[in-house]
């Protein structure tokens, strides 16, 4: 299992547009991909799950990947969130 902890720096938090991009990226991997905020973890392949967390700016989130392509999955998702300027 691979895990990263990141801080959301987007002034609006993790909002719909970058969340959709992240969900689409996560969906391409066979690994289980989860995002956790305030003791609650959801499947990062579900836009409704991710949006239900209501992640505001300056929040620490944890992204975990577990499965055969976990290394590539965690790197790709981290890069996408940086490209979308959600995390620094």
N, C-alpha and C. Protein backbone atom coordinates (compact mmCIF):
# COMPACT_ATOMS: atom_id res chain seq x y z
N UNK A 1 0.84 -1.18 0.00
CA UNK A 1 0.00 0.00 0.00
C UNK A 1 0.89 1.24 0.00
N UNK A 2 0.54 2.19 -0.83
CA UNK A 2 1.25 3.47 -0.91
C UNK A 2 0.33 4.54 -0.34
N UNK A 3 0.93 5.52 0.35
CA UNK A 3 0.13 6.56 0.98
C UNK A 3 0.88 7.88 0.93
N UNK A 4 0.15 8.96 0.64
CA UNK A 4 0.74 10.31 0.72
C UNK A 4 -0.23 11.19 1.50
N UNK A 5 0.35 12.14 2.23
CA UNK A 5 -0.43 13.16 2.92
C UNK A 5 -0.10 14.48 2.26
N UNK A 6 -1.13 15.22 1.86
CA UNK A 6 -0.93 16.50 1.18
C UNK A 6 -1.88 17.53 1.75
N UNK A 7 -1.54 18.80 1.54
CA UNK A 7 -2.39 19.89 2.01
C UNK A 7 -3.02 20.56 0.79
N UNK A 8 -4.33 20.74 0.83
CA UNK A 8 -5.07 21.38 -0.25
C UNK A 8 -4.79 22.89 -0.17
N UNK A 9 -4.25 23.46 -1.26
CA UNK A 9 -3.91 24.88 -1.27
C UNK A 9 -4.85 25.71 -2.14
N UNK A 10 -5.68 25.06 -2.93
CA UNK A 10 -6.64 25.80 -3.76
C UNK A 10 -7.55 26.62 -2.85
N UNK A 11 -7.72 27.93 -3.12
CA UNK A 11 -8.55 28.77 -2.25
C UNK A 11 -9.99 28.28 -2.10
N UNK A 12 -10.47 27.51 -3.05
CA UNK A 12 -11.84 27.01 -3.00
C UNK A 12 -11.89 25.61 -2.39
N UNK A 13 -10.73 25.01 -2.16
CA UNK A 13 -10.69 23.64 -1.66
C UNK A 13 -10.69 22.67 -2.82
N UNK A 14 -11.01 21.42 -2.54
CA UNK A 14 -11.08 20.41 -3.61
C UNK A 14 -12.47 20.49 -4.23
N UNK A 15 -12.59 21.32 -5.26
CA UNK A 15 -13.90 21.57 -5.87
C UNK A 15 -14.11 20.68 -7.09
N UNK A 16 -15.25 20.80 -7.73
CA UNK A 16 -15.72 19.86 -8.74
C UNK A 16 -14.77 19.64 -9.92
N UNK A 17 -14.24 20.71 -10.49
CA UNK A 17 -13.43 20.54 -11.70
C UNK A 17 -12.17 19.70 -11.44
N UNK A 18 -11.31 20.08 -10.48
CA UNK A 18 -10.13 19.23 -10.26
C UNK A 18 -10.49 17.86 -9.67
N UNK A 19 -11.56 17.79 -8.92
CA UNK A 19 -11.98 16.49 -8.38
C UNK A 19 -12.36 15.55 -9.51
N UNK A 20 -13.03 16.07 -10.52
CA UNK A 20 -13.41 15.25 -11.68
C UNK A 20 -12.18 14.74 -12.41
N UNK A 21 -11.19 15.60 -12.59
CA UNK A 21 -9.96 15.19 -13.25
C UNK A 21 -9.26 14.09 -12.44
N UNK A 22 -9.21 14.26 -11.12
CA UNK A 22 -8.57 13.26 -10.26
C UNK A 22 -9.34 11.94 -10.27
N UNK A 23 -10.66 12.01 -10.24
CA UNK A 23 -11.49 10.80 -10.27
C UNK A 23 -11.29 10.05 -11.59
N UNK A 24 -11.25 10.80 -12.70
CA UNK A 24 -11.03 10.16 -14.00
C UNK A 24 -9.67 9.47 -14.05
N UNK A 25 -8.66 10.11 -13.47
CA UNK A 25 -7.31 9.51 -13.44
C UNK A 25 -7.31 8.26 -12.56
N UNK A 26 -7.90 8.35 -11.37
CA UNK A 26 -7.94 7.21 -10.45
C UNK A 26 -8.67 6.02 -11.07
N UNK A 27 -9.69 6.31 -11.86
CA UNK A 27 -10.50 5.25 -12.46
C UNK A 27 -9.74 4.42 -13.47
N UNK A 28 -8.62 4.92 -13.97
CA UNK A 28 -7.84 4.20 -14.97
C UNK A 28 -6.96 3.11 -14.37
N UNK A 29 -6.86 3.09 -13.04
CA UNK A 29 -5.98 2.12 -12.38
C UNK A 29 -6.77 0.97 -11.78
N UNK A 30 -6.10 -0.19 -11.71
CA UNK A 30 -6.74 -1.36 -11.12
C UNK A 30 -6.73 -1.30 -9.60
N UNK A 31 -5.77 -0.57 -9.04
CA UNK A 31 -5.63 -0.46 -7.58
C UNK A 31 -6.84 0.20 -6.95
N UNK A 32 -7.06 -0.11 -5.67
CA UNK A 32 -8.05 0.63 -4.89
C UNK A 32 -7.42 1.97 -4.54
N UNK A 33 -8.13 3.05 -4.84
CA UNK A 33 -7.62 4.39 -4.56
C UNK A 33 -8.62 5.07 -3.63
N UNK A 34 -8.12 5.56 -2.50
CA UNK A 34 -9.00 6.21 -1.52
C UNK A 34 -8.44 7.57 -1.15
N UNK A 35 -9.34 8.48 -0.80
CA UNK A 35 -8.95 9.77 -0.26
C UNK A 35 -9.63 9.91 1.09
N UNK A 36 -8.87 10.36 2.08
CA UNK A 36 -9.40 10.47 3.44
C UNK A 36 -9.25 11.90 3.94
N UNK A 37 -10.29 12.34 4.64
CA UNK A 37 -10.31 13.67 5.26
C UNK A 37 -11.13 13.57 6.54
N UNK A 38 -10.57 14.03 7.64
CA UNK A 38 -11.25 13.99 8.94
C UNK A 38 -11.80 12.60 9.28
N UNK A 39 -10.92 11.62 9.27
CA UNK A 39 -11.27 10.25 9.68
C UNK A 39 -12.28 9.56 8.76
N UNK A 40 -12.59 10.16 7.61
CA UNK A 40 -13.54 9.54 6.70
C UNK A 40 -12.85 9.29 5.36
N UNK A 41 -12.87 8.07 4.89
CA UNK A 41 -12.23 7.71 3.62
C UNK A 41 -13.28 7.29 2.61
N UNK A 42 -13.08 7.73 1.37
CA UNK A 42 -14.01 7.36 0.29
C UNK A 42 -13.20 6.87 -0.91
N UNK A 43 -13.88 6.16 -1.77
CA UNK A 43 -13.29 5.68 -3.01
C UNK A 43 -13.02 6.88 -3.92
N UNK A 44 -11.77 7.06 -4.34
CA UNK A 44 -11.44 8.20 -5.18
C UNK A 44 -11.89 8.01 -6.62
N UNK A 45 -12.48 6.89 -6.92
CA UNK A 45 -13.02 6.65 -8.25
C UNK A 45 -14.48 7.09 -8.33
N UNK A 46 -15.01 7.64 -7.24
CA UNK A 46 -16.40 8.08 -7.17
C UNK A 46 -16.46 9.59 -6.95
N UNK A 47 -16.94 10.32 -7.95
CA UNK A 47 -17.02 11.79 -7.82
C UNK A 47 -17.97 12.16 -6.67
N UNK A 48 -19.03 11.43 -6.50
CA UNK A 48 -19.97 11.74 -5.41
C UNK A 48 -19.30 11.52 -4.06
N UNK A 49 -18.51 10.46 -3.95
CA UNK A 49 -17.80 10.20 -2.71
C UNK A 49 -16.81 11.30 -2.39
N UNK A 50 -16.01 11.69 -3.39
CA UNK A 50 -15.00 12.74 -3.18
C UNK A 50 -15.67 14.06 -2.81
N UNK A 51 -16.72 14.43 -3.53
CA UNK A 51 -17.40 15.70 -3.26
C UNK A 51 -18.10 15.68 -1.90
N UNK A 52 -18.52 14.49 -1.45
CA UNK A 52 -19.22 14.40 -0.16
C UNK A 52 -18.31 14.75 1.02
N UNK A 53 -17.00 14.69 0.81
CA UNK A 53 -16.06 15.03 1.88
C UNK A 53 -16.03 16.54 2.15
N UNK A 54 -16.37 17.35 1.16
CA UNK A 54 -16.39 18.80 1.34
C UNK A 54 -15.04 19.35 1.81
N UNK A 55 -13.99 19.01 1.11
CA UNK A 55 -12.63 19.35 1.54
C UNK A 55 -12.33 20.83 1.28
N UNK A 56 -12.16 21.62 2.36
CA UNK A 56 -11.86 23.05 2.20
C UNK A 56 -10.35 23.30 2.02
N UNK A 57 -10.00 24.53 1.70
CA UNK A 57 -8.59 24.90 1.57
C UNK A 57 -7.86 24.74 2.90
N UNK A 58 -6.56 24.51 2.80
CA UNK A 58 -5.66 24.31 3.95
C UNK A 58 -5.97 23.04 4.75
N UNK A 59 -6.64 22.08 4.14
CA UNK A 59 -6.95 20.81 4.80
C UNK A 59 -5.91 19.77 4.41
N UNK A 60 -5.54 18.93 5.37
CA UNK A 60 -4.66 17.82 5.06
C UNK A 60 -5.52 16.62 4.67
N UNK A 61 -5.18 16.04 3.52
CA UNK A 61 -5.88 14.84 3.07
C UNK A 61 -4.85 13.73 2.89
N UNK A 62 -5.34 12.50 2.95
CA UNK A 62 -4.48 11.34 2.76
C UNK A 62 -5.00 10.56 1.56
N UNK A 63 -4.11 10.26 0.63
CA UNK A 63 -4.48 9.47 -0.54
C UNK A 63 -3.74 8.15 -0.43
N UNK A 64 -4.48 7.05 -0.56
CA UNK A 64 -3.88 5.72 -0.49
C UNK A 64 -4.21 4.93 -1.75
N UNK A 65 -3.25 4.14 -2.18
CA UNK A 65 -3.44 3.25 -3.32
C UNK A 65 -2.95 1.86 -2.90
N UNK A 66 -3.75 0.87 -3.22
CA UNK A 66 -3.38 -0.51 -2.89
C UNK A 66 -3.77 -1.41 -4.05
N UNK A 67 -2.76 -2.08 -4.60
CA UNK A 67 -3.02 -2.98 -5.72
C UNK A 67 -1.79 -3.12 -6.60
N UNK A 68 -1.97 -3.78 -7.72
CA UNK A 68 -0.84 -4.12 -8.58
C UNK A 68 -0.16 -2.91 -9.23
N UNK A 69 -0.89 -1.82 -9.43
CA UNK A 69 -0.29 -0.63 -10.06
C UNK A 69 -0.26 0.56 -9.11
N UNK A 70 -0.13 0.29 -7.80
CA UNK A 70 -0.21 1.34 -6.78
C UNK A 70 0.88 2.40 -6.92
N UNK A 71 2.08 2.01 -7.33
CA UNK A 71 3.18 2.99 -7.46
C UNK A 71 2.85 4.04 -8.52
N UNK A 72 2.46 3.58 -9.68
CA UNK A 72 2.13 4.49 -10.78
C UNK A 72 0.88 5.29 -10.43
N UNK A 73 -0.08 4.66 -9.81
CA UNK A 73 -1.35 5.33 -9.47
C UNK A 73 -1.10 6.50 -8.53
N UNK A 74 -0.35 6.30 -7.46
CA UNK A 74 -0.15 7.37 -6.48
C UNK A 74 0.64 8.52 -7.08
N UNK A 75 1.65 8.20 -7.90
CA UNK A 75 2.44 9.25 -8.55
C UNK A 75 1.59 10.06 -9.52
N UNK A 76 0.78 9.37 -10.31
CA UNK A 76 -0.05 10.04 -11.30
C UNK A 76 -1.07 10.96 -10.64
N UNK A 77 -1.73 10.48 -9.61
CA UNK A 77 -2.75 11.29 -8.93
C UNK A 77 -2.11 12.51 -8.27
N UNK A 78 -0.95 12.32 -7.65
CA UNK A 78 -0.26 13.46 -7.04
C UNK A 78 0.11 14.51 -8.10
N UNK A 79 0.63 14.05 -9.24
CA UNK A 79 1.00 14.97 -10.32
C UNK A 79 -0.22 15.71 -10.85
N UNK A 80 -1.33 15.01 -11.01
CA UNK A 80 -2.55 15.64 -11.52
C UNK A 80 -3.05 16.71 -10.55
N UNK A 81 -3.04 16.41 -9.26
CA UNK A 81 -3.50 17.40 -8.27
C UNK A 81 -2.58 18.62 -8.24
N UNK A 82 -1.28 18.40 -8.47
CA UNK A 82 -0.35 19.54 -8.54
C UNK A 82 -0.60 20.35 -9.81
N UNK A 83 -0.82 19.67 -10.93
CA UNK A 83 -1.10 20.36 -12.19
C UNK A 83 -2.38 21.18 -12.10
N UNK A 84 -3.38 20.65 -11.38
CA UNK A 84 -4.66 21.35 -11.21
C UNK A 84 -4.55 22.44 -10.13
N UNK A 85 -3.36 22.56 -9.53
CA UNK A 85 -3.08 23.56 -8.47
C UNK A 85 -3.95 23.36 -7.22
N UNK A 86 -4.31 22.10 -6.97
CA UNK A 86 -5.07 21.76 -5.76
C UNK A 86 -4.11 21.60 -4.59
N UNK A 87 -2.94 21.01 -4.87
CA UNK A 87 -1.91 20.85 -3.85
C UNK A 87 -0.64 21.51 -4.37
N UNK A 88 0.27 21.83 -3.45
CA UNK A 88 1.53 22.50 -3.86
C UNK A 88 2.59 21.47 -4.21
